[in-house]
Every structure is written in structure tokens, then in C-alpha cells.
Amino acid sequence: MKINEVEQIVDITKKNIRFYEQQGLLKPSRNETNRYRDYSEQDIESLKKIKLLRKLAVPISEIRRMEETHLPLEDCLKRHLITLEREEKNLEKMRELCHDMVEHEENYITLEADVYLKKMEQLEQGGVSFVDAKQADKSMRKKKSFIAGIVMIVLMVILIGIFAWCTWGIPEDPMPVPLFLIMGGIPLAIIIGVVLSLRERMKEIEGGELYEASKY
């Protein structure tokens, strides 16, 4: 079965289907003739289960563990209920804080933020969280991508430095300048590619591309 058919049957976009494949939740076979993905009825059922659990906000990591039979569904849902109850408590405290500000007829110009920040701090000490988990995860993904890009760029700069030293630092048998331009051009091209890829990656994360699957 082709991905277009799967998209219509399960009502999940091709982008999401490929996303789940990248996350290891789906492993369709390949057609030996054209190497296209060939989805089975079992893949369809897996996608339906994934769709159901994602609509309940069950993390992908938990779904992966269940698929690998490392985590029973009952245990997953019990833990998820605890998470949902904690989030419900957080939302309730946020509502109370908002109501408090409305009742005091606060306005943006004269708002004394320190007063409410202290209240938030006291609530956080009691276990309430005002942090957007998705935003925190987005920041972490950006940080990891940035570090990986910087490491690659540093390695390529070092490589260029080695080629330069071989060209001008060895008076006995230096590397010819034309050869340096060729050899040095390769890591330079990689650096440019990494910078461009990193920029696109940041845009993708900032735009919520990685959370596309959370809609299902």
C-alpha cells in the first residue's frame, strides 16, 4: 500500500507518517522493484494506535517503548495520568493567578510584575510549574543542533589549518598552493553547508515543524 492511500485511510499527513518512521515507530517494507515504501495492514493498525495515543498527548518515547514491549500500556497510562493531573494543577494555579490580576483590575502600564513573580516563585517552590514543556524542549533541540554544527565547523577549520600549515609551514616540501585551494575548498564547502543547514534547522524548530505530529 502506498503512502497516499495510508494518508487517506488513517487521516494522517505524509509528513507525519514519515516523522513517525524517523522516530522508529513505523518500519514499512520496501518494494523490491521500485524501492518505494510498501505499507501493510499492520502498519495501518500501528498508525491508528499512534494517532490515538498522540491525541492523548502520550510522548513518542513512551509509544516507542510500548512497541518494543519494554512498557505495558497500563503502566504507561497510569504514569501519563499522573502527568496530566500535575498539568491540570499547574493550569488551575495559572487560572487563579490570572483571576487575581483581573480582580485587582491590573493594566499593563502600572502592573507591578514583582508582586506576581513572587507569588509564582512561591507556587513553584510548592511544585507548580509555569514552564511550557514544548518551549523547553524546543530550546533543547536548538541547543543540541547548534552544538553539533559548531563542532563540525571547528573540525573543518582545524582541517583547513592543517592544509595551510602543510603549504606554508613546511619549507622543505610544502603542499602546492593549487592543491591547497582544492583540498581547503572541500572543508570550506562543508562549513558553508553546515551553516546553511543549521540556519534552516533553527527556522524549522522555531516554526514548530518538529511538533507537527502533536496534532494527532
C-alpha atoms as a PDB file:
ATOM      1  CA  MET A   1       0.000   0.000   0.000  1.00  0.00           C
ATOM      2  CA  LYS A   2       1.374   3.423  -0.970  1.00  0.00           C
ATOM      3  CA  ILE A   3       1.730   6.350   1.398  1.00  0.00           C
ATOM      4  CA  ASN A   4      -1.057   8.307  -0.362  1.00  0.00           C
ATOM      5  CA  GLU A   5      -3.507   5.502   0.427  1.00  0.00           C
ATOM      6  CA  VAL A   6      -2.328   5.338   4.022  1.00  0.00           C
ATOM      7  CA  GLU A   7      -2.778   9.092   4.354  1.00  0.00           C
ATOM      8  CA  GLN A   8      -6.440   8.794   3.312  1.00  0.00           C
ATOM      9  CA  ILE A   9      -7.211   5.731   5.423  1.00  0.00           C
ATOM     10  CA  VAL A  10      -5.702   6.921   8.705  1.00  0.00           C
ATOM     11  CA  ASP A  11      -6.170  10.662   8.094  1.00  0.00           C
ATOM     12  CA  ILE A  12      -2.554  11.462   8.939  1.00  0.00           C
ATOM     13  CA  THR A  13      -0.418  13.576   6.630  1.00  0.00           C
ATOM     14  CA  LYS A  14       2.522  12.114   4.735  1.00  0.00           C
ATOM     15  CA  LYS A  15       4.783  14.446   6.695  1.00  0.00           C
ATOM     16  CA  ASN A  16       3.590  12.912   9.957  1.00  0.00           C
ATOM     17  CA  ILE A  17       3.872   9.373   8.646  1.00  0.00           C
ATOM     18  CA  ARG A  18       7.489   9.983   7.649  1.00  0.00           C
ATOM     19  CA  PHE A  19       8.068  11.680  11.005  1.00  0.00           C
ATOM     20  CA  TYR A  20       6.906   8.538  12.811  1.00  0.00           C
ATOM     21  CA  GLU A  21       9.183   6.465  10.597  1.00  0.00           C
ATOM     22  CA  GLN A  22      12.130   8.689  11.523  1.00  0.00           C
ATOM     23  CA  GLN A  23      11.238   8.212  15.187  1.00  0.00           C
ATOM     24  CA  GLY A  24      11.326   4.438  14.750  1.00  0.00           C
ATOM     25  CA  LEU A  25       7.603   3.953  15.407  1.00  0.00           C
ATOM     26  CA  LEU A  26       6.889   2.649  11.926  1.00  0.00           C
ATOM     27  CA  LYS A  27       9.021   0.382   9.744  1.00  0.00           C
ATOM     28  CA  PRO A  28       7.324  -0.295   6.392  1.00  0.00           C
ATOM     29  CA  SER A  29       8.890  -2.707   3.951  1.00  0.00           C
ATOM     30  CA  ARG A  30      10.326  -1.666   0.585  1.00  0.00           C
ATOM     31  CA  ASN A  31       9.033  -2.726  -2.803  1.00  0.00           C
ATOM     32  CA  GLU A  32      11.844  -4.771  -4.384  1.00  0.00           C
ATOM     33  CA  THR A  33      11.060  -3.377  -7.840  1.00  0.00           C
ATOM     34  CA  ASN A  34      10.978   0.377  -7.272  1.00  0.00           C
ATOM     35  CA  ARG A  35      12.201   0.598  -3.633  1.00  0.00           C
ATOM     36  CA  TYR A  36       9.082   2.576  -2.667  1.00  0.00           C
ATOM     37  CA  ARG A  37       7.678   2.119   0.817  1.00  0.00           C
ATOM     38  CA  ASP A  38       5.047  -0.615   0.941  1.00  0.00           C
ATOM     39  CA  TYR A  39       2.708  -0.235   3.916  1.00  0.00           C
ATOM     40  CA  SER A  40       0.891  -3.263   5.303  1.00  0.00           C
ATOM     41  CA  GLU A  41      -2.344  -3.620   7.268  1.00  0.00           C
ATOM     42  CA  GLN A  42      -0.193  -3.978  10.367  1.00  0.00           C
ATOM     43  CA  ASP A  43       1.378  -0.592   9.601  1.00  0.00           C
ATOM     44  CA  ILE A  44      -2.126   0.878   9.303  1.00  0.00           C
ATOM     45  CA  GLU A  45      -3.077  -0.500  12.721  1.00  0.00           C
ATOM     46  CA  SER A  46       0.163   0.805  14.210  1.00  0.00           C
ATOM     47  CA  LEU A  47      -0.565   4.278  12.849  1.00  0.00           C
ATOM     48  CA  LYS A  48      -4.070   4.200  14.309  1.00  0.00           C
ATOM     49  CA  LYS A  49      -2.642   3.312  17.721  1.00  0.00           C
ATOM     50  CA  ILE A  50      -0.045   6.072  17.405  1.00  0.00           C
ATOM     51  CA  LYS A  51      -2.727   8.567  16.383  1.00  0.00           C
ATOM     52  CA  LEU A  52      -4.885   7.617  19.377  1.00  0.00           C
ATOM     53  CA  LEU A  53      -2.053   7.898  21.884  1.00  0.00           C
ATOM     54  CA  ARG A  54      -0.694  11.138  20.413  1.00  0.00           C
ATOM     55  CA  LYS A  55      -4.176  12.661  20.672  1.00  0.00           C
ATOM     56  CA  LEU A  56      -3.946  11.796  24.364  1.00  0.00           C
ATOM     57  CA  ALA A  57      -0.563  13.568  24.462  1.00  0.00           C
ATOM     58  CA  VAL A  58       1.366  10.373  25.225  1.00  0.00           C
ATOM     59  CA  PRO A  59       5.056  11.072  24.461  1.00  0.00           C
ATOM     60  CA  ILE A  60       6.604   9.447  21.415  1.00  0.00           C
ATOM     61  CA  SER A  61       9.342   7.959  23.584  1.00  0.00           C
ATOM     62  CA  GLU A  62       6.694   6.101  25.594  1.00  0.00           C
ATOM     63  CA  ILE A  63       4.976   4.802  22.455  1.00  0.00           C
ATOM     64  CA  ARG A  64       8.338   3.550  21.188  1.00  0.00           C
ATOM     65  CA  ARG A  65       8.922   1.662  24.443  1.00  0.00           C
ATOM     66  CA  MET A  66       5.486   0.056  24.201  1.00  0.00           C
ATOM     67  CA  GLU A  67       6.120  -1.013  20.627  1.00  0.00           C
ATOM     68  CA  GLU A  68       9.381  -2.585  21.772  1.00  0.00           C
ATOM     69  CA  THR A  69       7.385  -4.355  24.544  1.00  0.00           C
ATOM     70  CA  HIS A  70       9.500  -2.642  27.201  1.00  0.00           C
ATOM     71  CA  LEU A  71       6.500  -0.861  28.704  1.00  0.00           C
ATOM     72  CA  PRO A  72       2.949  -2.190  29.267  1.00  0.00           C
ATOM     73  CA  LEU A  73       0.141   0.090  28.105  1.00  0.00           C
ATOM     74  CA  GLU A  74      -1.413   0.105  31.590  1.00  0.00           C
ATOM     75  CA  ASP A  75       1.815   1.335  33.211  1.00  0.00           C
ATOM     76  CA  CYS A  76       2.219   3.992  30.537  1.00  0.00           C
ATOM     77  CA  LEU A  77      -1.311   5.303  31.027  1.00  0.00           C
ATOM     78  CA  LYS A  78      -1.014   5.309  34.819  1.00  0.00           C
ATOM     79  CA  ARG A  79       2.143   7.419  34.587  1.00  0.00           C
ATOM     80  CA  HIS A  80       0.520   9.620  31.977  1.00  0.00           C
ATOM     81  CA  LEU A  81      -2.453  10.196  34.269  1.00  0.00           C
ATOM     82  CA  ILE A  82      -0.068  11.475  36.945  1.00  0.00           C
ATOM     83  CA  THR A  83       1.455  13.850  34.388  1.00  0.00           C
ATOM     84  CA  LEU A  84      -1.973  15.083  33.273  1.00  0.00           C
ATOM     85  CA  GLU A  85      -3.069  15.622  36.866  1.00  0.00           C
ATOM     86  CA  ARG A  86       0.103  17.620  37.532  1.00  0.00           C
ATOM     87  CA  GLU A  87      -0.530  19.726  34.421  1.00  0.00           C
ATOM     88  CA  GLU A  88      -4.140  20.220  35.492  1.00  0.00           C
ATOM     89  CA  LYS A  89      -2.891  21.505  38.858  1.00  0.00           C
ATOM     90  CA  ASN A  90      -0.486  23.852  37.083  1.00  0.00           C
ATOM     91  CA  LEU A  91      -3.261  25.179  34.851  1.00  0.00           C
ATOM     92  CA  GLU A  92      -5.537  25.682  37.852  1.00  0.00           C
ATOM     93  CA  LYS A  93      -2.873  27.771  39.604  1.00  0.00           C
ATOM     94  CA  MET A  94      -2.346  29.774  36.427  1.00  0.00           C
ATOM     95  CA  ARG A  95      -6.092  30.424  36.224  1.00  0.00           C
ATOM     96  CA  GLU A  96      -6.137  31.532  39.858  1.00  0.00           C
ATOM     97  CA  LEU A  97      -3.258  33.915  39.232  1.00  0.00           C
ATOM     98  CA  CYS A  98      -4.982  35.350  36.145  1.00  0.00           C
ATOM     99  CA  HIS A  99      -8.241  35.780  38.087  1.00  0.00           C
ATOM    100  CA  ASP A 100      -6.308  37.522  40.838  1.00  0.00           C
ATOM    101  CA  MET A 101      -4.889  40.013  38.319  1.00  0.00           C
ATOM    102  CA  VAL A 102      -8.324  40.607  36.776  1.00  0.00           C
ATOM    103  CA  GLU A 103      -9.951  41.147  40.177  1.00  0.00           C
ATOM    104  CA  HIS A 104      -7.322  43.739  41.030  1.00  0.00           C
ATOM    105  CA  GLU A 105      -8.050  45.436  37.689  1.00  0.00           C
ATOM    106  CA  GLU A 106      -4.400  45.352  36.705  1.00  0.00           C
ATOM    107  CA  ASN A 107      -3.290  47.014  33.500  1.00  0.00           C
ATOM    108  CA  TYR A 108      -0.047  46.613  31.617  1.00  0.00           C
ATOM    109  CA  ILE A 109       1.339  50.113  32.225  1.00  0.00           C
ATOM    110  CA  THR A 110       1.000  50.080  36.028  1.00  0.00           C
ATOM    111  CA  LEU A 111       1.386  46.306  36.513  1.00  0.00           C
ATOM    112  CA  GLU A 112       3.749  45.521  39.399  1.00  0.00           C
ATOM    113  CA  ALA A 113       5.252  42.358  37.997  1.00  0.00           C
ATOM    114  CA  ASP A 114       7.411  41.701  41.072  1.00  0.00           C
ATOM    115  CA  VAL A 115       4.312  41.097  43.197  1.00  0.00           C
ATOM    116  CA  TYR A 116       3.068  38.326  40.930  1.00  0.00           C
ATOM    117  CA  LEU A 117       6.524  36.959  40.214  1.00  0.00           C
ATOM    118  CA  LYS A 118       6.956  36.427  43.952  1.00  0.00           C
ATOM    119  CA  LYS A 119       3.619  34.594  44.061  1.00  0.00           C
ATOM    120  CA  MET A 120       4.734  32.458  41.123  1.00  0.00           C
ATOM    121  CA  GLU A 121       8.023  31.743  42.867  1.00  0.00           C
ATOM    122  CA  GLN A 122       6.162  30.584  45.987  1.00  0.00           C
ATOM    123  CA  LEU A 123       3.927  28.352  43.867  1.00  0.00           C
ATOM    124  CA  GLU A 124       6.937  26.923  42.043  1.00  0.00           C
ATOM    125  CA  GLN A 125       8.509  26.071  45.384  1.00  0.00           C
ATOM    126  CA  GLY A 126       5.326  24.134  46.108  1.00  0.00           C
ATOM    127  CA  GLY A 127       5.730  22.092  42.935  1.00  0.00           C
ATOM    128  CA  VAL A 128       3.755  24.182  40.446  1.00  0.00           C
ATOM    129  CA  SER A 129       5.395  24.685  37.050  1.00  0.00           C
ATOM    130  CA  PHE A 130       4.832  27.686  34.808  1.00  0.00           C
ATOM    131  CA  VAL A 131       7.240  26.482  32.128  1.00  0.00           C
ATOM    132  CA  ASP A 132       5.932  25.483  28.709  1.00  0.00           C
ATOM    133  CA  ALA A 133       7.306  21.964  28.246  1.00  0.00           C
ATOM    134  CA  LYS A 134       7.204  22.256  24.455  1.00  0.00           C
ATOM    135  CA  GLN A 135       9.122  25.517  24.530  1.00  0.00           C
ATOM    136  CA  ALA A 136      11.734  23.997  26.831  1.00  0.00           C
ATOM    137  CA  ASP A 137      12.069  21.007  24.523  1.00  0.00           C
ATOM    138  CA  LYS A 138      12.346  23.348  21.540  1.00  0.00           C
ATOM    139  CA  SER A 139      15.195  25.220  23.244  1.00  0.00           C
ATOM    140  CA  MET A 140      16.975  21.958  23.989  1.00  0.00           C
ATOM    141  CA  ARG A 141      16.685  20.823  20.358  1.00  0.00           C
ATOM    142  CA  LYS A 142      18.055  24.160  19.179  1.00  0.00           C
ATOM    143  CA  LYS A 143      20.941  23.901  21.623  1.00  0.00           C
ATOM    144  CA  LYS A 144      21.835  20.364  20.512  1.00  0.00           C
ATOM    145  CA  SER A 145      21.674  21.302  16.822  1.00  0.00           C
ATOM    146  CA  PHE A 146      23.804  24.394  17.423  1.00  0.00           C
ATOM    147  CA  ILE A 147      26.463  22.445  19.345  1.00  0.00           C
ATOM    148  CA  ALA A 148      26.628  19.746  16.660  1.00  0.00           C
ATOM    149  CA  GLY A 149      27.026  22.402  13.961  1.00  0.00           C
ATOM    150  CA  ILE A 150      29.743  24.251  15.874  1.00  0.00           C
ATOM    151  CA  VAL A 151      31.693  21.027  16.468  1.00  0.00           C
ATOM    152  CA  MET A 152      31.629  20.236  12.749  1.00  0.00           C
ATOM    153  CA  ILE A 153      32.695  23.778  11.820  1.00  0.00           C
ATOM    154  CA  VAL A 154      35.587  23.687  14.309  1.00  0.00           C
ATOM    155  CA  LEU A 155      36.784  20.362  12.891  1.00  0.00           C
ATOM    156  CA  MET A 156      36.700  21.740   9.362  1.00  0.00           C
ATOM    157  CA  VAL A 157      38.576  24.894  10.422  1.00  0.00           C
ATOM    158  CA  ILE A 158      41.247  22.709  12.013  1.00  0.00           C
ATOM    159  CA  LEU A 159      41.493  20.703   8.804  1.00  0.00           C
ATOM    160  CA  ILE A 160      41.950  23.889   6.773  1.00  0.00           C
ATOM    161  CA  GLY A 161      44.605  24.965   9.260  1.00  0.00           C
ATOM    162  CA  ILE A 162      46.465  21.687   8.754  1.00  0.00           C
ATOM    163  CA  PHE A 163      46.394  22.128   4.972  1.00  0.00           C
ATOM    164  CA  ALA A 164      47.639  25.717   5.392  1.00  0.00           C
ATOM    165  CA  TRP A 165      50.488  24.552   7.612  1.00  0.00           C
ATOM    166  CA  CYS A 166      51.411  21.897   5.037  1.00  0.00           C
ATOM    167  CA  THR A 167      51.517  24.640   2.385  1.00  0.00           C
ATOM    168  CA  TRP A 168      53.354  27.446   4.194  1.00  0.00           C
ATOM    169  CA  GLY A 169      54.666  25.871   7.391  1.00  0.00           C
ATOM    170  CA  ILE A 170      56.893  23.220   5.835  1.00  0.00           C
ATOM    171  CA  PRO A 171      59.699  24.918   3.888  1.00  0.00           C
ATOM    172  CA  GLU A 172      61.332  21.634   2.801  1.00  0.00           C
ATOM    173  CA  ASP A 173      58.437  20.043   0.904  1.00  0.00           C
ATOM    174  CA  PRO A 174      55.374  22.346   1.001  1.00  0.00           C
ATOM    175  CA  MET A 175      51.979  21.489  -0.428  1.00  0.00           C
ATOM    176  CA  PRO A 176      51.458  23.293  -3.753  1.00  0.00           C
ATOM    177  CA  VAL A 177      49.116  26.256  -3.434  1.00  0.00           C
ATOM    178  CA  PRO A 178      46.716  24.972  -6.132  1.00  0.00           C
ATOM    179  CA  LEU A 179      46.439  21.690  -4.214  1.00  0.00           C
ATOM    180  CA  PHE A 180      45.786  23.652  -1.002  1.00  0.00           C
ATOM    181  CA  LEU A 181      42.994  25.569  -2.719  1.00  0.00           C
ATOM    182  CA  ILE A 182      41.413  22.305  -3.804  1.00  0.00           C
ATOM    183  CA  MET A 183      41.881  20.463  -0.505  1.00  0.00           C
ATOM    184  CA  GLY A 184      40.959  23.505   1.580  1.00  0.00           C
ATOM    185  CA  GLY A 185      37.917  24.172  -0.559  1.00  0.00           C
ATOM    186  CA  ILE A 186      36.328  20.878   0.492  1.00  0.00           C
ATOM    187  CA  PRO A 187      36.094  21.636   4.243  1.00  0.00           C
ATOM    188  CA  LEU A 188      35.191  25.243   3.401  1.00  0.00           C
ATOM    189  CA  ALA A 189      32.252  23.985   1.334  1.00  0.00           C
ATOM    190  CA  ILE A 190      31.266  21.729   4.241  1.00  0.00           C
ATOM    191  CA  ILE A 191      31.358  24.716   6.610  1.00  0.00           C
ATOM    192  CA  ILE A 192      29.082  26.706   4.318  1.00  0.00           C
ATOM    193  CA  GLY A 193      26.733  23.722   4.052  1.00  0.00           C
ATOM    194  CA  VAL A 194      26.653  23.283   7.831  1.00  0.00           C
ATOM    195  CA  VAL A 195      25.887  26.986   8.371  1.00  0.00           C
ATOM    196  CA  LEU A 196      23.048  26.906   5.834  1.00  0.00           C
ATOM    197  CA  SER A 197      21.668  23.655   7.242  1.00  0.00           C
ATOM    198  CA  LEU A 198      21.912  24.985  10.780  1.00  0.00           C
ATOM    199  CA  ARG A 199      20.025  28.126   9.818  1.00  0.00           C
ATOM    200  CA  GLU A 200      17.246  26.087   8.223  1.00  0.00           C
ATOM    201  CA  ARG A 201      17.183  23.774  11.224  1.00  0.00           C
ATOM    202  CA  MET A 202      16.680  26.708  13.578  1.00  0.00           C
ATOM    203  CA  LYS A 203      13.836  28.002  11.413  1.00  0.00           C
ATOM    204  CA  GLU A 204      12.263  24.542  11.360  1.00  0.00           C
ATOM    205  CA  ILE A 205      12.390  24.162  15.135  1.00  0.00           C
ATOM    206  CA  GLU A 206      11.223  27.723  15.764  1.00  0.00           C
ATOM    207  CA  GLY A 207       8.337  27.220  13.369  1.00  0.00           C
ATOM    208  CA  GLY A 208       7.168  24.139  15.249  1.00  0.00           C
ATOM    209  CA  GLU A 209       7.918  21.692  12.454  1.00  0.00           C
ATOM    210  CA  LEU A 210       9.040  19.092  14.958  1.00  0.00           C
ATOM    211  CA  TYR A 211       5.707  19.325  16.741  1.00  0.00           C
ATOM    212  CA  GLU A 212       3.635  18.609  13.664  1.00  0.00           C
ATOM    213  CA  ALA A 213       2.948  15.136  14.999  1.00  0.00           C
ATOM    214  CA  SER A 214       1.480  16.502  18.215  1.00  0.00           C
ATOM    215  CA  LYS A 215      -1.656  17.429  16.279  1.00  0.00           C
ATOM    216  CA  TYR A 216      -2.606  13.762  16.069  1.00  0.00           C
END
